[in-house]
Protein backbone atom coordinates (compact mmCIF):
# COMPACT_ATOMS: atom_id res chain seq x y z
CA MET A 1 -9.65 40.79 184.14
CA ASN A 2 -10.09 40.25 180.61
CA THR A 3 -6.81 42.03 179.50
CA VAL A 4 -4.87 39.49 181.83
CA LEU A 5 -6.60 36.46 181.07
CA SER A 6 -7.53 35.75 177.43
CA LYS A 7 -10.49 33.48 176.88
CA ASP A 8 -8.71 30.40 176.39
CA VAL A 9 -6.70 30.92 179.48
CA GLN A 10 -10.02 31.62 181.70
CA ARG A 11 -11.47 28.35 179.89
CA GLU A 12 -8.27 26.37 181.19
CA PHE A 13 -8.79 27.44 184.79
CA LEU A 14 -12.28 26.53 184.76
CA GLU A 15 -11.52 23.22 183.42
CA ARG A 16 -8.91 22.71 186.36
CA GLY A 17 -11.82 23.43 188.85
CA PHE A 18 -11.46 27.29 189.64
CA THR A 19 -14.94 29.18 189.72
CA ARG A 20 -15.20 32.54 187.89
CA ARG A 21 -14.89 34.10 191.18
CA SER A 22 -11.17 32.99 191.53
CA LEU A 23 -10.47 34.18 187.86
CA GLY A 24 -10.37 38.09 189.40
CA ARG A 25 -7.96 36.91 192.04
CA ILE A 26 -5.67 34.64 189.54
CA ALA A 27 -5.50 37.92 187.42
CA ALA A 28 -4.66 39.69 190.58
CA VAL A 29 -1.80 37.49 191.02
CA ILE A 30 -0.64 37.66 187.46
CA THR A 31 -0.76 41.15 186.92
CA ALA A 32 1.26 41.91 190.38
CA GLY A 33 3.79 38.72 189.94
CA ALA A 34 5.98 38.89 192.98
CA ALA A 35 4.62 42.08 194.46
CA LEU A 36 1.58 41.24 195.61
CA PRO A 37 1.39 41.86 198.91
CA PHE A 38 -0.63 38.95 200.68
CA TYR A 39 2.12 36.23 200.33
CA ASN A 40 5.21 37.47 198.63
CA GLU A 41 8.76 37.18 199.92
CA PRO A 42 9.58 40.45 201.20
CA ALA A 43 5.91 40.55 202.89
CA MET A 44 6.96 36.94 204.68
CA ALA A 45 10.28 38.69 205.58
CA GLN A 46 8.66 41.42 207.01
CA LEU A 47 5.93 39.85 209.27
CA SER A 48 8.28 40.11 212.06
CA ALA A 49 9.25 43.93 211.64
CA VAL A 50 7.49 47.30 212.59
CA ARG A 51 8.18 50.69 211.36
CA GLY A 52 10.82 52.96 212.96
CA ILE A 53 13.23 50.39 213.99
CA PRO A 54 15.86 52.35 216.14
CA PRO A 55 19.40 52.46 214.06
CA ASP A 56 21.20 50.90 216.85
CA ALA A 57 18.86 48.07 216.78
CA VAL A 58 19.93 44.38 216.00
CA LYS A 59 17.59 43.18 213.17
CA ILE A 60 17.93 39.28 213.07
CA ASP A 61 14.25 38.44 212.03
CA ALA A 62 14.27 38.07 208.27
CA ASN A 63 17.13 35.29 207.41
CA GLU A 64 18.97 38.09 205.67
CA ASN A 65 22.54 38.08 205.35
CA PRO A 66 24.68 40.65 207.14
CA LEU A 67 27.76 40.30 204.76
CA GLY A 68 25.61 41.49 201.87
CA PRO A 69 26.68 41.12 198.21
CA SER A 70 30.34 40.33 197.60
CA LYS A 71 33.01 42.30 196.45
CA GLU A 72 32.60 41.00 192.83
CA ALA A 73 28.80 41.49 192.95
CA ALA A 74 29.09 45.20 194.15
CA GLU A 75 31.92 45.80 191.51
CA ALA A 76 29.83 44.50 188.58
CA ILE A 77 26.84 46.78 189.97
CA HIS A 78 28.83 49.72 189.65
CA ALA A 79 30.14 48.71 186.60
CA ILE A 80 26.78 48.45 184.81
CA VAL A 81 24.33 51.04 186.43
CA GLN A 82 25.41 53.38 183.92
CA LYS A 83 23.82 51.05 181.41
CA GLY A 84 20.52 50.95 183.53
CA GLY A 85 18.44 52.80 180.79
CA ARG A 86 18.63 49.69 178.29
CA TYR A 87 16.86 46.19 178.83
CA LEU A 88 19.94 44.48 178.44
CA TYR A 89 18.49 40.92 177.88
CA GLU A 90 22.04 39.67 177.32
CA GLU A 91 22.89 40.04 180.77
CA THR A 92 20.03 37.51 181.70
CA PHE A 93 20.97 35.28 179.14
CA GLY A 94 24.61 35.17 180.36
CA PHE A 95 23.09 34.27 184.25
CA THR A 96 21.14 31.47 182.66
CA GLU A 97 23.91 29.83 180.81
CA LEU A 98 26.33 30.04 183.42
CA LEU A 99 23.83 28.67 186.03
CA ALA A 100 22.99 26.05 183.99
CA GLU A 101 26.60 24.87 183.38
CA GLN A 102 27.46 25.00 186.97
CA GLU A 103 24.05 23.12 187.71
CA GLY A 104 24.95 20.36 185.26
CA VAL A 105 21.89 20.95 183.14
CA LYS A 106 21.06 21.94 179.63
CA ALA A 107 21.07 26.01 179.11
CA GLY A 108 17.28 25.80 178.40
CA TYR A 109 16.64 24.17 181.63
CA VAL A 110 17.00 27.56 183.72
CA ARG A 111 14.72 30.56 183.68
CA ALA A 112 15.82 33.58 185.52
CA PHE A 113 13.65 35.70 188.04
CA ALA A 114 13.82 38.57 190.51
CA GLY A 115 14.40 36.27 193.19
CA SER A 116 12.32 32.80 193.91
CA SER A 117 9.17 34.28 195.00
CA ALA A 118 7.80 34.52 191.38
CA PRO A 119 8.52 31.13 190.25
CA LEU A 120 6.75 29.66 193.51
CA HIS A 121 3.71 31.94 192.81
CA GLN A 122 3.56 31.03 189.27
CA ALA A 123 4.14 27.23 189.82
CA VAL A 124 0.88 27.67 192.35
CA LEU A 125 -0.89 29.12 189.59
CA ALA A 126 0.42 26.64 186.86
CA PHE A 127 -0.33 23.26 188.67
CA THR A 128 -2.85 23.68 191.71
CA SER A 129 -6.47 24.23 191.77
CA PRO A 130 -9.22 23.42 194.09
CA ASP A 131 -8.86 19.70 192.93
CA LYS A 132 -5.31 19.66 192.83
CA PRO A 133 -3.70 20.57 196.30
CA PHE A 134 -0.60 22.50 197.21
CA VAL A 135 1.19 20.14 199.70
CA THR A 136 3.74 21.20 202.25
CA GLY A 137 5.37 20.69 205.18
CA ASP A 138 4.34 22.29 208.64
CA PRO A 139 5.86 24.32 209.56
CA GLY A 140 7.10 25.90 206.28
CA TYR A 141 7.49 29.02 204.44
CA GLU A 142 4.20 30.02 203.79
CA ALA A 143 4.17 32.03 200.38
CA GLY A 144 3.36 28.91 198.44
CA GLU A 145 0.33 27.97 200.64
CA ARG A 146 -0.85 31.70 201.05
CA ALA A 147 -0.86 32.21 197.36
CA ALA A 148 -2.89 28.62 197.01
CA GLU A 149 -5.24 30.00 199.52
CA PHE A 150 -5.78 33.25 197.52
CA ILE A 151 -6.67 31.88 194.41
CA GLY A 152 -8.72 29.11 195.82
CA ALA A 153 -6.75 26.19 195.72
CA LYS A 154 -6.88 23.48 198.37
CA VAL A 155 -3.85 23.63 200.70
CA MET A 156 -2.75 20.16 202.88
CA ARG A 157 -0.22 20.56 205.46
CA VAL A 158 2.04 17.53 206.50
CA PRO A 159 3.94 18.03 210.23
CA LEU A 160 7.68 17.36 209.97
CA MET A 161 8.82 14.44 211.50
CA LYS A 162 10.03 15.09 215.02
CA ASP A 163 11.69 11.34 215.41
CA ARG A 164 13.69 12.13 212.34
CA ALA A 165 15.13 15.38 213.24
CA TYR A 166 12.23 17.50 211.77
CA ALA A 167 12.81 16.35 208.29
CA HIS A 168 9.77 16.12 205.73
CA ASN A 169 7.59 13.47 205.93
CA VAL A 170 7.85 12.48 202.33
CA LYS A 171 5.73 9.36 202.57
CA ALA A 172 2.66 11.12 204.23
CA MET A 173 3.07 14.01 201.50
CA ALA A 174 3.00 11.41 198.82
CA ALA A 175 -0.06 10.03 200.25
CA ALA A 176 -1.78 13.11 201.06
CA SER A 177 -3.77 13.38 197.92
CA PRO A 178 -3.48 11.09 194.79
CA ASN A 179 -4.37 14.61 192.61
CA ALA A 180 -1.85 16.77 194.56
CA GLY A 181 -0.67 19.42 191.81
CA LEU A 182 2.51 20.58 193.57
CA ILE A 183 4.36 18.97 196.41
CA TYR A 184 6.67 21.66 198.09
CA ILE A 185 9.75 20.93 199.94
CA CYS A 186 11.95 23.72 201.29
CA ASN A 187 15.46 21.95 201.86
CA PRO A 188 16.96 23.12 204.42
CA ASN A 189 13.50 24.19 205.83
CA ASN A 190 12.32 27.52 206.73
CA PRO A 191 11.62 28.05 209.50
CA SER A 192 13.03 24.62 211.25
CA ALA A 193 16.31 25.00 209.56
CA THR A 194 16.37 21.41 209.34
CA LEU A 195 17.44 18.97 206.31
CA THR A 196 15.36 16.35 204.64
CA PRO A 197 17.85 13.61 203.46
CA LYS A 198 18.48 13.20 199.77
CA GLU A 199 17.50 9.63 199.57
CA ASP A 200 13.84 10.82 201.15
CA ILE A 201 13.57 13.51 198.13
CA GLU A 202 14.28 10.61 195.68
CA TRP A 203 11.96 8.34 197.19
CA LEU A 204 9.06 11.01 196.89
CA VAL A 205 10.14 11.86 193.16
CA GLU A 206 9.70 8.29 192.38
CA ASN A 207 6.52 7.57 194.38
CA LYS A 208 4.54 10.50 193.91
CA SER A 209 1.38 10.44 191.99
CA LYS A 210 1.50 10.49 188.02
CA GLY A 211 1.12 14.16 186.88
CA THR A 212 2.33 15.79 190.61
CA ILE A 213 5.17 18.13 190.42
CA ILE A 214 7.65 18.36 193.35
CA MET A 215 9.06 21.57 194.01
CA ILE A 216 12.36 21.81 195.73
CA ASP A 217 13.12 25.07 197.18
CA GLU A 218 17.07 25.36 197.95
CA ALA A 219 16.98 28.92 198.92
CA TYR A 220 19.45 27.77 201.85
CA ILE A 221 21.34 24.93 200.29
CA HIS A 222 24.63 26.50 199.99
CA ILE A 223 24.67 27.60 203.81
CA ALA A 224 24.37 23.83 204.89
CA GLY A 225 26.65 22.36 202.45
CA ALA A 226 23.94 19.46 201.72
CA PRO A 227 23.60 18.00 198.23
CA MET A 228 21.73 20.02 195.82
CA MET A 229 19.01 18.13 193.75
CA SER A 230 19.62 19.61 190.34
CA TYR A 231 20.76 16.00 188.79
CA LEU A 232 17.01 15.03 189.01
CA VAL A 233 15.88 17.84 186.63
CA ALA A 234 18.85 16.86 184.29
CA GLN A 235 17.24 13.02 184.59
CA ASP A 236 13.98 15.00 183.03
CA LYS A 237 12.24 14.23 186.59
CA ASP A 238 8.75 15.87 187.58
CA VAL A 239 11.13 18.56 189.32
CA ILE A 240 11.54 22.10 189.57
CA ILE A 241 14.31 23.60 191.73
CA LEU A 242 14.26 27.01 193.00
CA ARG A 243 17.45 29.11 193.56
CA THR A 244 17.76 32.47 195.20
CA PHE A 245 20.58 35.09 195.76
CA SER A 246 19.05 36.37 198.68
CA LYS A 247 20.68 34.00 201.40
CA ILE A 248 24.27 33.06 200.89
CA TYR A 249 25.06 35.56 198.37
CA GLY A 250 23.68 38.34 200.40
CA MET A 251 21.65 39.75 197.51
CA ALA A 252 17.94 40.14 199.42
CA GLY A 253 17.39 43.58 198.05
CA LEU A 254 18.91 43.26 195.02
CA ARG A 255 16.30 40.32 193.78
CA ALA A 256 17.99 37.44 191.68
CA GLY A 257 16.97 33.90 191.52
CA ALA A 258 16.11 31.07 189.28
CA ALA A 259 13.95 28.01 188.58
CA ILE A 260 15.58 24.90 186.85
CA ALA A 261 13.30 22.48 185.45
CA ARG A 262 12.44 20.82 182.21
CA PRO A 263 11.51 23.31 179.28
CA ASP A 264 7.99 22.14 179.21
CA LEU A 265 7.58 23.03 182.96
CA LEU A 266 9.20 26.11 182.60
CA GLN A 267 7.00 27.13 179.73
CA LYS A 268 4.28 26.84 182.44
CA LEU A 269 5.48 29.39 184.54
CA SER A 270 6.43 31.76 181.87
CA ASN A 271 2.71 31.57 180.58
CA TYR A 272 2.48 34.26 184.05
CA SER A 273 5.23 36.79 183.46
CA SER A 274 7.34 38.44 180.91
CA GLY A 275 9.68 41.46 180.48
CA ALA A 276 13.28 42.31 181.45
CA LEU A 277 14.73 41.69 184.80
CA PRO A 278 17.02 44.11 186.65
CA VAL A 279 20.24 44.43 185.27
CA THR A 280 21.94 45.37 188.29
CA GLY A 281 20.61 41.90 189.94
CA MET A 282 21.74 39.94 186.88
CA ALA A 283 25.20 41.46 186.70
CA ALA A 284 25.70 40.89 190.37
CA ALA A 285 24.27 37.14 190.17
CA THR A 286 26.76 36.70 187.54
CA ALA A 287 29.73 38.09 189.19
CA SER A 288 28.89 35.94 192.45
CA LEU A 289 28.63 32.67 190.59
CA LYS A 290 32.14 33.28 189.09
CA ALA A 291 33.65 34.47 192.70
CA LYS A 292 36.07 31.66 193.51
CA ASP A 293 35.54 30.27 197.30
CA LEU A 294 32.61 32.72 197.89
CA VAL A 295 30.50 30.06 198.80
CA PRO A 296 32.43 28.07 201.22
CA THR A 297 34.19 31.14 202.74
CA ARG A 298 30.70 32.25 203.70
CA ARG A 299 29.38 28.86 204.56
CA LYS A 300 32.05 28.76 207.43
CA ILE A 301 31.44 32.37 208.50
CA MET A 302 27.59 31.80 208.87
CA GLY A 303 28.02 28.38 210.25
CA ASP A 304 30.83 29.39 213.05
CA THR A 305 28.45 32.14 214.06
CA ARG A 306 25.40 29.66 214.20
CA ASN A 307 27.29 26.72 215.93
CA ASP A 308 28.36 29.54 218.70
CA LEU A 309 24.84 30.41 219.12
CA MET A 310 24.04 26.53 219.70
CA ALA A 311 26.65 26.35 222.15
CA PHE A 312 25.51 29.33 223.74
CA LEU A 313 21.93 27.73 224.00
CA ASP A 314 23.21 24.45 225.44
CA LYS A 315 25.33 26.30 228.02
CA HIS A 316 22.39 27.72 229.59
CA ASN A 317 19.86 24.64 228.96
CA PHE A 318 17.39 26.52 226.44
CA LYS A 319 15.60 23.93 224.12
CA TYR A 320 16.41 24.34 220.37
CA VAL A 321 15.98 22.62 217.12
CA PRO A 322 19.66 22.04 215.59
CA SER A 323 20.05 24.21 212.51
CA PHE A 324 21.86 23.48 209.14
CA SER A 325 20.55 27.14 207.91
CA ASN A 326 20.99 30.52 208.96
CA CYS A 327 18.13 30.79 211.37
CA ILE A 328 17.35 28.66 214.63
CA MET A 329 14.05 27.88 216.09
CA ILE A 330 14.40 28.19 220.10
CA ASP A 331 11.46 27.06 222.27
CA VAL A 332 10.94 29.51 224.59
CA GLY A 333 8.39 27.80 226.68
CA LYS A 334 5.78 30.10 226.34
CA PRO A 335 3.93 32.08 223.90
CA GLY A 336 6.27 33.17 221.33
CA GLN A 337 5.00 36.51 220.52
CA GLU A 338 5.63 37.56 224.43
CA VAL A 339 9.19 37.12 223.86
CA GLN A 340 9.26 38.60 220.59
CA MET A 341 7.58 41.93 221.71
CA ALA A 342 10.09 41.79 224.98
CA MET A 343 13.17 41.42 222.86
CA ARG A 344 12.07 44.53 221.00
CA GLN A 345 12.15 46.27 224.24
CA GLU A 346 15.74 45.27 224.26
CA LYS A 347 16.37 46.63 220.73
CA VAL A 348 16.47 43.35 219.31
CA TYR A 349 14.17 42.39 216.59
CA ILE A 350 13.83 38.30 216.03
CA GLY A 351 11.49 36.67 213.72
CA ARG A 352 7.99 35.29 213.76
CA VAL A 353 5.96 32.65 215.42
CA TRP A 354 4.46 29.73 213.36
CA LYS A 355 1.18 28.29 214.62
CA SER A 356 2.04 24.80 214.59
CA TRP A 357 4.74 25.76 217.08
CA PRO A 358 3.41 28.46 219.10
CA THR A 359 6.14 28.49 221.85
CA HIS A 360 9.29 28.80 219.36
CA VAL A 361 10.36 31.85 217.94
CA ARG A 362 12.94 32.07 214.74
CA VAL A 363 16.20 33.90 215.34
CA SER A 364 17.92 34.46 212.15
CA ILE A 365 22.18 34.34 212.56
CA GLY A 366 23.39 37.85 212.37
CA THR A 367 27.28 39.04 212.74
CA PRO A 368 29.15 38.03 216.00
CA GLU A 369 28.58 41.53 217.44
CA GLU A 370 25.02 41.11 216.72
CA MET A 371 24.38 37.88 218.28
CA ALA A 372 26.23 38.94 221.31
CA LYS A 373 23.57 41.80 221.90
CA PHE A 374 21.11 38.91 221.29
CA LYS A 375 22.51 36.72 223.81
CA THR A 376 22.57 39.76 226.46
CA ALA A 377 18.97 40.48 225.89
CA PHE A 378 18.09 36.85 225.83
CA LEU A 379 19.28 36.24 229.20
CA LYS A 380 17.49 39.28 230.17
CA VAL A 381 13.98 38.42 228.73
CA MET A 382 14.12 34.71 229.65
CA ALA A 383 15.26 35.39 233.30
């Protein structure tokens, strides 16, 4: 532990309310980065999976994009792979500068990561403690809260608002703790695939406690076509935006992402990571950003398939939460795990179940052919 946490860093964590017993786990998080299996993005994605999935099975359990990387991204990977023996930091510099330009922020306001798990975990390390809670929506993406629990920080879960299309209850989140370290908003939310209005997020940023950081995870924002909140970063607010190329860009296995925030906030994240990023991911991400019409074209493809699924559910009188993302929560009226296991018998692998919504299952949006197989299996299982 001493080689990972200097005496000054250990002192800083102890002053924030952590115990010496917690320091070992904190060191484990720093050492493992985004690879610690307790709460990382791949682990979250694989909670619904098992080994030995039949090759002809339908896999719609992990919010992956079946379209994969774009043609432009694939060409960039092929072009750079022979140079993979070098670190090629310039690929990362080019990526961050282009993303900053497109987001309307200064170049120093973007830091690249291999996906968005690492900056989420590092924000938990930087801003939460036993006395500075991690506040999140419920149900929500669990990686942040699991990281907080693992290191001994307090977690506060605030139910989504059923009477407002399951948006985050920003007023309740702001009131959850006067000492909140990090308030986490996933928008669109995972797993509910619902949107929190721009005005609500703006209210939260203006009315949160002094010293509290607002983290807005926009992993699915391109799919929804909803307003992006990076202008709040340009205004130097206490906001960190997360970006990932795992979703609409189809690069879940290639690992590219970024945090967008003021340099002082990014510096606090960078205290817990270092090293070069995969050149394939950086080159593919840059090519994806440059690809004309990629986002609107994919948004329409995914949206058409999602809307067809919702029409199917309406036709057969199944209850569900209207989706703005690439997944949908379906209320099966009984323990969700039962339906999940029964669907596997039909070679259709759907997503996991959240404790707060025990009768809902999360179904990712696949190709039209995959969703046709889902419909057949779902009608059989639910008969």
